[in-house]
């Protein structure tokens, strides 16, 4: 009697929660292959009276291979295409989970969203809803968050729908690195962001030209 061949079992979808761990002092870190991923928070200051005061932090990822720091671009370039959404989601959940460990209450939290990882509105929507469901677990409110749309290309209709969903939840929107890549006037017109972060190198070069003031007045 010839036995029936075993059917190949579908690969189990990995859970982001299974890839996040805590160290001995309660800091969360993610695991992806040989890399360990840690949150780093860059302060953002604003003038308050005659001094600069911290008003926000930008959440960035600090990858390490064993105990050796690795440039973020080197790490992200090593992530295979099918895992990019998984890794981006893990990074975002790490930033939300570690925010309370900064030790300063009330700072706005900026986090990056790379449009290249998601060109399907249904998947993009699911990601935003997943984040919104977990905010209460971290003691965060949507009004404390600013989503930075990075300069990569994407389906602009998907991106516009994603931004509408985040705004509906109370998350503010920023355009990152204006003046580079796809962070252009057209994207500003499409998304009507709350904040525009201007690329420093582009701004320094642009201000060499007499047209700079005429350009920036209507933009502001």
C-alpha atoms as a PDB file:
ATOM      1  CA  UNK A   1       0.000   0.000   0.000  1.00  0.00           C
ATOM      2  CA  UNK A   2       1.392   3.360  -0.986  1.00  0.00           C
ATOM      3  CA  UNK A   3       1.000   5.970   1.707  1.00  0.00           C
ATOM      4  CA  UNK A   4      -0.307   9.446   0.961  1.00  0.00           C
ATOM      5  CA  UNK A   5       2.410  12.078   0.897  1.00  0.00           C
ATOM      6  CA  UNK A   6       2.362  14.472   3.830  1.00  0.00           C
ATOM      7  CA  UNK A   7       0.936  17.831   2.974  1.00  0.00           C
ATOM      8  CA  UNK A   8       3.345  20.675   3.532  1.00  0.00           C
ATOM      9  CA  UNK A   9       2.320  22.658   6.552  1.00  0.00           C
ATOM     10  CA  UNK A  10       1.935  26.383   6.002  1.00  0.00           C
ATOM     11  CA  UNK A  11       4.579  28.515   7.693  1.00  0.00           C
ATOM     12  CA  UNK A  12       3.279  29.896  10.962  1.00  0.00           C
ATOM     13  CA  UNK A  13       2.996  33.652  10.937  1.00  0.00           C
ATOM     14  CA  UNK A  14       5.405  35.125  13.446  1.00  0.00           C
ATOM     15  CA  UNK A  15       4.072  37.289  16.227  1.00  0.00           C
ATOM     16  CA  UNK A  16       5.873  40.545  16.960  1.00  0.00           C
ATOM     17  CA  UNK A  17       5.281  39.964  20.679  1.00  0.00           C
ATOM     18  CA  UNK A  18       7.314  36.737  20.479  1.00  0.00           C
ATOM     19  CA  UNK A  19      10.316  38.681  19.152  1.00  0.00           C
ATOM     20  CA  UNK A  20      10.353  41.271  21.970  1.00  0.00           C
ATOM     21  CA  UNK A  21      12.075  40.625  25.293  1.00  0.00           C
ATOM     22  CA  UNK A  22      12.977  42.562  28.445  1.00  0.00           C
ATOM     23  CA  UNK A  23      16.375  42.902  30.075  1.00  0.00           C
ATOM     24  CA  UNK A  24      17.004  42.821  33.817  1.00  0.00           C
ATOM     25  CA  UNK A  25      16.004  46.473  34.323  1.00  0.00           C
ATOM     26  CA  UNK A  26      12.850  46.330  32.229  1.00  0.00           C
ATOM     27  CA  UNK A  27      14.088  47.763  28.914  1.00  0.00           C
ATOM     28  CA  UNK A  28      12.554  46.025  25.922  1.00  0.00           C
ATOM     29  CA  UNK A  29      14.608  44.865  22.958  1.00  0.00           C
ATOM     30  CA  UNK A  30      13.774  43.029  19.760  1.00  0.00           C
ATOM     31  CA  UNK A  31      15.461  40.029  18.191  1.00  0.00           C
ATOM     32  CA  UNK A  32      15.838  39.568  14.451  1.00  0.00           C
ATOM     33  CA  UNK A  33      18.326  36.932  13.375  1.00  0.00           C
ATOM     34  CA  UNK A  34      21.729  37.811  14.811  1.00  0.00           C
ATOM     35  CA  UNK A  35      20.656  41.376  15.602  1.00  0.00           C
ATOM     36  CA  UNK A  36      19.356  42.875  18.823  1.00  0.00           C
ATOM     37  CA  UNK A  37      17.260  46.038  18.395  1.00  0.00           C
ATOM     38  CA  UNK A  38      17.101  48.766  21.033  1.00  0.00           C
ATOM     39  CA  UNK A  39      15.163  52.030  21.155  1.00  0.00           C
ATOM     40  CA  UNK A  40      17.029  55.326  21.187  1.00  0.00           C
ATOM     41  CA  UNK A  41      15.253  58.640  21.709  1.00  0.00           C
ATOM     42  CA  UNK A  42      16.616  61.853  20.171  1.00  0.00           C
ATOM     43  CA  UNK A  43      15.387  64.980  21.988  1.00  0.00           C
ATOM     44  CA  UNK A  44      13.630  67.800  20.137  1.00  0.00           C
ATOM     45  CA  UNK A  45      13.815  71.283  21.650  1.00  0.00           C
ATOM     46  CA  UNK A  46      11.754  74.443  21.243  1.00  0.00           C
ATOM     47  CA  UNK A  47      12.271  77.988  22.569  1.00  0.00           C
ATOM     48  CA  UNK A  48      10.438  78.664  25.804  1.00  0.00           C
ATOM     49  CA  UNK A  49      11.118  82.194  26.977  1.00  0.00           C
ATOM     50  CA  UNK A  50      14.873  82.736  26.875  1.00  0.00           C
ATOM     51  CA  UNK A  51      15.860  79.080  26.909  1.00  0.00           C
ATOM     52  CA  UNK A  52      15.383  75.875  24.929  1.00  0.00           C
ATOM     53  CA  UNK A  53      13.193  73.238  26.516  1.00  0.00           C
ATOM     54  CA  UNK A  54      12.662  69.604  25.469  1.00  0.00           C
ATOM     55  CA  UNK A  55       9.204  69.212  23.937  1.00  0.00           C
ATOM     56  CA  UNK A  56       9.452  65.862  22.133  1.00  0.00           C
ATOM     57  CA  UNK A  57      11.629  62.873  21.324  1.00  0.00           C
ATOM     58  CA  UNK A  58      12.151  61.119  18.006  1.00  0.00           C
ATOM     59  CA  UNK A  59      12.233  57.342  18.352  1.00  0.00           C
ATOM     60  CA  UNK A  60      15.086  55.699  16.457  1.00  0.00           C
ATOM     61  CA  UNK A  61      16.326  52.130  16.371  1.00  0.00           C
ATOM     62  CA  UNK A  62      19.806  51.145  17.550  1.00  0.00           C
ATOM     63  CA  UNK A  63      20.779  47.763  16.089  1.00  0.00           C
ATOM     64  CA  UNK A  64      23.554  45.667  17.603  1.00  0.00           C
ATOM     65  CA  UNK A  65      25.187  42.501  16.367  1.00  0.00           C
ATOM     66  CA  UNK A  66      25.912  40.658  19.614  1.00  0.00           C
ATOM     67  CA  UNK A  67      27.204  43.670  21.624  1.00  0.00           C
ATOM     68  CA  UNK A  68      28.601  45.694  18.717  1.00  0.00           C
ATOM     69  CA  UNK A  69      26.579  48.673  17.432  1.00  0.00           C
ATOM     70  CA  UNK A  70      25.682  48.527  13.728  1.00  0.00           C
ATOM     71  CA  UNK A  71      24.673  51.460  11.509  1.00  0.00           C
ATOM     72  CA  UNK A  72      20.856  51.430  11.156  1.00  0.00           C
ATOM     73  CA  UNK A  73      21.080  51.527   7.347  1.00  0.00           C
ATOM     74  CA  UNK A  74      23.314  48.443   7.366  1.00  0.00           C
ATOM     75  CA  UNK A  75      20.731  46.592   9.440  1.00  0.00           C
ATOM     76  CA  UNK A  76      17.684  47.663   7.427  1.00  0.00           C
ATOM     77  CA  UNK A  77      19.453  46.821   4.158  1.00  0.00           C
ATOM     78  CA  UNK A  78      19.938  43.288   5.490  1.00  0.00           C
ATOM     79  CA  UNK A  79      16.212  42.722   6.151  1.00  0.00           C
ATOM     80  CA  UNK A  80      14.687  40.562   3.420  1.00  0.00           C
ATOM     81  CA  UNK A  81      11.650  41.992   1.644  1.00  0.00           C
ATOM     82  CA  UNK A  82       9.138  39.587   3.193  1.00  0.00           C
ATOM     83  CA  UNK A  83      10.242  40.588   6.716  1.00  0.00           C
ATOM     84  CA  UNK A  84      10.256  44.377   6.317  1.00  0.00           C
ATOM     85  CA  UNK A  85       6.731  44.902   7.611  1.00  0.00           C
ATOM     86  CA  UNK A  86       7.419  42.561  10.552  1.00  0.00           C
ATOM     87  CA  UNK A  87      10.603  44.454  11.483  1.00  0.00           C
ATOM     88  CA  UNK A  88       9.000  47.895  11.113  1.00  0.00           C
ATOM     89  CA  UNK A  89       6.113  46.804  13.323  1.00  0.00           C
ATOM     90  CA  UNK A  90       8.529  45.411  15.919  1.00  0.00           C
ATOM     91  CA  UNK A  91      10.502  48.679  15.962  1.00  0.00           C
ATOM     92  CA  UNK A  92       7.329  50.721  16.453  1.00  0.00           C
ATOM     93  CA  UNK A  93       6.136  48.480  19.307  1.00  0.00           C
ATOM     94  CA  UNK A  94       9.566  48.735  20.957  1.00  0.00           C
ATOM     95  CA  UNK A  95       9.428  52.527  20.832  1.00  0.00           C
ATOM     96  CA  UNK A  96       5.945  52.593  22.351  1.00  0.00           C
ATOM     97  CA  UNK A  97       6.891  50.091  25.054  1.00  0.00           C
ATOM     98  CA  UNK A  98      10.140  51.809  26.043  1.00  0.00           C
ATOM     99  CA  UNK A  99       8.783  55.362  26.030  1.00  0.00           C
ATOM    100  CA  UNK A 100       7.820  55.195  29.706  1.00  0.00           C
ATOM    101  CA  UNK A 101      11.468  54.438  30.571  1.00  0.00           C
ATOM    102  CA  UNK A 102      12.666  57.870  29.377  1.00  0.00           C
ATOM    103  CA  UNK A 103      11.771  59.275  32.779  1.00  0.00           C
ATOM    104  CA  UNK A 104      10.217  62.500  31.468  1.00  0.00           C
ATOM    105  CA  UNK A 105       6.441  62.630  31.219  1.00  0.00           C
ATOM    106  CA  UNK A 106       4.530  64.666  28.668  1.00  0.00           C
ATOM    107  CA  UNK A 107       7.013  64.670  25.774  1.00  0.00           C
ATOM    108  CA  UNK A 108       5.541  64.143  22.316  1.00  0.00           C
ATOM    109  CA  UNK A 109       6.751  60.929  20.662  1.00  0.00           C
ATOM    110  CA  UNK A 110       7.759  61.062  16.978  1.00  0.00           C
ATOM    111  CA  UNK A 111       7.996  57.738  15.150  1.00  0.00           C
ATOM    112  CA  UNK A 112       8.924  57.012  11.538  1.00  0.00           C
ATOM    113  CA  UNK A 113       6.685  55.366   8.971  1.00  0.00           C
ATOM    114  CA  UNK A 114       8.388  54.090   5.831  1.00  0.00           C
ATOM    115  CA  UNK A 115       5.823  54.041   2.978  1.00  0.00           C
ATOM    116  CA  UNK A 116       7.853  51.439   1.069  1.00  0.00           C
ATOM    117  CA  UNK A 117       6.926  48.630   3.446  1.00  0.00           C
ATOM    118  CA  UNK A 118       3.227  48.719   2.624  1.00  0.00           C
ATOM    119  CA  UNK A 119       1.574  49.312  -0.732  1.00  0.00           C
ATOM    120  CA  UNK A 120      -1.749  47.692   0.195  1.00  0.00           C
ATOM    121  CA  UNK A 121      -4.353  49.772   2.012  1.00  0.00           C
ATOM    122  CA  UNK A 122      -5.815  46.803   3.916  1.00  0.00           C
ATOM    123  CA  UNK A 123      -2.440  45.847   5.390  1.00  0.00           C
ATOM    124  CA  UNK A 124      -1.597  49.472   6.157  1.00  0.00           C
ATOM    125  CA  UNK A 125      -4.920  49.894   7.931  1.00  0.00           C
ATOM    126  CA  UNK A 126      -4.369  46.733   9.976  1.00  0.00           C
ATOM    127  CA  UNK A 127      -0.982  48.077  11.134  1.00  0.00           C
ATOM    128  CA  UNK A 128      -2.439  51.344  12.335  1.00  0.00           C
ATOM    129  CA  UNK A 129      -5.294  49.616  14.139  1.00  0.00           C
ATOM    130  CA  UNK A 130      -2.828  47.240  15.823  1.00  0.00           C
ATOM    131  CA  UNK A 131      -0.854  50.209  17.120  1.00  0.00           C
ATOM    132  CA  UNK A 132      -3.994  52.025  18.289  1.00  0.00           C
ATOM    133  CA  UNK A 133      -5.171  48.939  20.229  1.00  0.00           C
ATOM    134  CA  UNK A 134      -1.940  48.822  22.234  1.00  0.00           C
ATOM    135  CA  UNK A 135      -1.556  52.504  23.119  1.00  0.00           C
ATOM    136  CA  UNK A 136      -3.488  52.118  26.363  1.00  0.00           C
ATOM    137  CA  UNK A 137      -1.175  49.266  27.428  1.00  0.00           C
ATOM    138  CA  UNK A 138       1.751  51.707  27.278  1.00  0.00           C
ATOM    139  CA  UNK A 139       0.005  54.582  29.019  1.00  0.00           C
ATOM    140  CA  UNK A 140      -0.027  56.600  25.799  1.00  0.00           C
ATOM    141  CA  UNK A 141      -2.722  58.647  24.105  1.00  0.00           C
ATOM    142  CA  UNK A 142      -2.900  59.238  20.332  1.00  0.00           C
ATOM    143  CA  UNK A 143      -2.479  62.996  20.842  1.00  0.00           C
ATOM    144  CA  UNK A 144       1.036  62.319  22.191  1.00  0.00           C
ATOM    145  CA  UNK A 145       2.142  60.729  18.882  1.00  0.00           C
ATOM    146  CA  UNK A 146       3.468  62.234  15.659  1.00  0.00           C
ATOM    147  CA  UNK A 147       3.905  59.916  12.672  1.00  0.00           C
ATOM    148  CA  UNK A 148       6.791  60.993  10.422  1.00  0.00           C
ATOM    149  CA  UNK A 149       6.225  60.013   6.799  1.00  0.00           C
ATOM    150  CA  UNK A 150       9.685  59.348   5.373  1.00  0.00           C
ATOM    151  CA  UNK A 151      10.823  60.437   1.926  1.00  0.00           C
ATOM    152  CA  UNK A 152      10.474  57.108   0.106  1.00  0.00           C
ATOM    153  CA  UNK A 153       8.168  56.556  -2.868  1.00  0.00           C
ATOM    154  CA  UNK A 154       4.820  54.852  -2.399  1.00  0.00           C
ATOM    155  CA  UNK A 155       1.281  54.631  -3.711  1.00  0.00           C
ATOM    156  CA  UNK A 156       0.107  58.114  -2.745  1.00  0.00           C
ATOM    157  CA  UNK A 157      -3.559  57.054  -2.531  1.00  0.00           C
ATOM    158  CA  UNK A 158      -2.695  54.357   0.016  1.00  0.00           C
ATOM    159  CA  UNK A 159      -0.602  56.863   1.952  1.00  0.00           C
ATOM    160  CA  UNK A 160      -3.414  59.432   1.965  1.00  0.00           C
ATOM    161  CA  UNK A 161      -5.859  56.815   3.291  1.00  0.00           C
ATOM    162  CA  UNK A 162      -3.400  55.781   5.982  1.00  0.00           C
ATOM    163  CA  UNK A 163      -2.950  59.391   7.089  1.00  0.00           C
ATOM    164  CA  UNK A 164      -6.722  59.892   7.279  1.00  0.00           C
ATOM    165  CA  UNK A 165      -6.992  56.827   9.540  1.00  0.00           C
ATOM    166  CA  UNK A 166      -4.242  58.042  11.881  1.00  0.00           C
ATOM    167  CA  UNK A 167      -5.796  61.493  12.081  1.00  0.00           C
ATOM    168  CA  UNK A 168      -9.142  59.903  12.897  1.00  0.00           C
ATOM    169  CA  UNK A 169      -7.415  58.228  15.859  1.00  0.00           C
ATOM    170  CA  UNK A 170      -5.854  61.546  16.947  1.00  0.00           C
ATOM    171  CA  UNK A 171      -2.271  60.989  15.735  1.00  0.00           C
ATOM    172  CA  UNK A 172      -0.562  64.031  14.186  1.00  0.00           C
ATOM    173  CA  UNK A 173       1.335  63.826  10.887  1.00  0.00           C
ATOM    174  CA  UNK A 174       4.794  65.090   9.937  1.00  0.00           C
ATOM    175  CA  UNK A 175       6.638  65.082   6.627  1.00  0.00           C
ATOM    176  CA  UNK A 176      10.252  64.037   7.216  1.00  0.00           C
ATOM    177  CA  UNK A 177      13.310  65.376   5.342  1.00  0.00           C
ATOM    178  CA  UNK A 178      11.397  67.826   3.169  1.00  0.00           C
ATOM    179  CA  UNK A 179      13.476  68.660   0.099  1.00  0.00           C
ATOM    180  CA  UNK A 180      14.752  65.115  -0.458  1.00  0.00           C
ATOM    181  CA  UNK A 181      13.284  62.066  -2.177  1.00  0.00           C
ATOM    182  CA  UNK A 182       9.485  62.195  -2.374  1.00  0.00           C
ATOM    183  CA  UNK A 183       9.091  64.684   0.496  1.00  0.00           C
ATOM    184  CA  UNK A 184       7.955  67.399  -1.890  1.00  0.00           C
ATOM    185  CA  UNK A 185       5.381  70.182  -2.180  1.00  0.00           C
ATOM    186  CA  UNK A 186       3.058  67.703  -3.885  1.00  0.00           C
ATOM    187  CA  UNK A 187       3.137  65.386  -0.851  1.00  0.00           C
ATOM    188  CA  UNK A 188       2.527  68.331   1.479  1.00  0.00           C
ATOM    189  CA  UNK A 189      -0.491  69.358  -0.614  1.00  0.00           C
ATOM    190  CA  UNK A 190      -1.810  65.784  -0.547  1.00  0.00           C
ATOM    191  CA  UNK A 191      -1.354  65.080   3.174  1.00  0.00           C
ATOM    192  CA  UNK A 192      -1.635  68.564   4.763  1.00  0.00           C
ATOM    193  CA  UNK A 193       0.803  67.610   7.548  1.00  0.00           C
ATOM    194  CA  UNK A 194       0.806  69.227  10.987  1.00  0.00           C
ATOM    195  CA  UNK A 195       4.621  69.451  10.924  1.00  0.00           C
ATOM    196  CA  UNK A 196       7.190  69.706   8.122  1.00  0.00           C
ATOM    197  CA  UNK A 197      10.752  68.695   9.028  1.00  0.00           C
ATOM    198  CA  UNK A 198      13.144  70.297   6.548  1.00  0.00           C
ATOM    199  CA  UNK A 199      16.280  68.417   5.534  1.00  0.00           C
ATOM    200  CA  UNK A 200      19.218  70.409   6.928  1.00  0.00           C
ATOM    201  CA  UNK A 201      21.619  69.875   4.028  1.00  0.00           C
ATOM    202  CA  UNK A 202      18.992  70.777   1.441  1.00  0.00           C
ATOM    203  CA  UNK A 203      17.956  73.871   3.422  1.00  0.00           C
ATOM    204  CA  UNK A 204      21.541  75.147   3.745  1.00  0.00           C
ATOM    205  CA  UNK A 205      22.090  74.790   0.001  1.00  0.00           C
ATOM    206  CA  UNK A 206      18.710  76.279  -0.897  1.00  0.00           C
ATOM    207  CA  UNK A 207      19.268  79.369   1.231  1.00  0.00           C
ATOM    208  CA  UNK A 208      22.203  80.303  -0.955  1.00  0.00           C
ATOM    209  CA  UNK A 209      19.689  81.380  -3.604  1.00  0.00           C
ATOM    210  CA  UNK A 210      17.735  84.628  -3.669  1.00  0.00           C
ATOM    211  CA  UNK A 211      14.457  82.765  -4.328  1.00  0.00           C
ATOM    212  CA  UNK A 212      14.565  81.021  -0.938  1.00  0.00           C
ATOM    213  CA  UNK A 213      12.462  83.596   0.917  1.00  0.00           C
ATOM    214  CA  UNK A 214       9.855  83.794  -1.853  1.00  0.00           C
ATOM    215  CA  UNK A 215       9.543  80.011  -1.795  1.00  0.00           C
ATOM    216  CA  UNK A 216       9.231  79.558   1.960  1.00  0.00           C
ATOM    217  CA  UNK A 217       6.722  82.299   2.740  1.00  0.00           C
ATOM    218  CA  UNK A 218       3.768  80.593   0.976  1.00  0.00           C
ATOM    219  CA  UNK A 219       4.941  77.168   2.205  1.00  0.00           C
ATOM    220  CA  UNK A 220       4.889  78.288   5.854  1.00  0.00           C
END
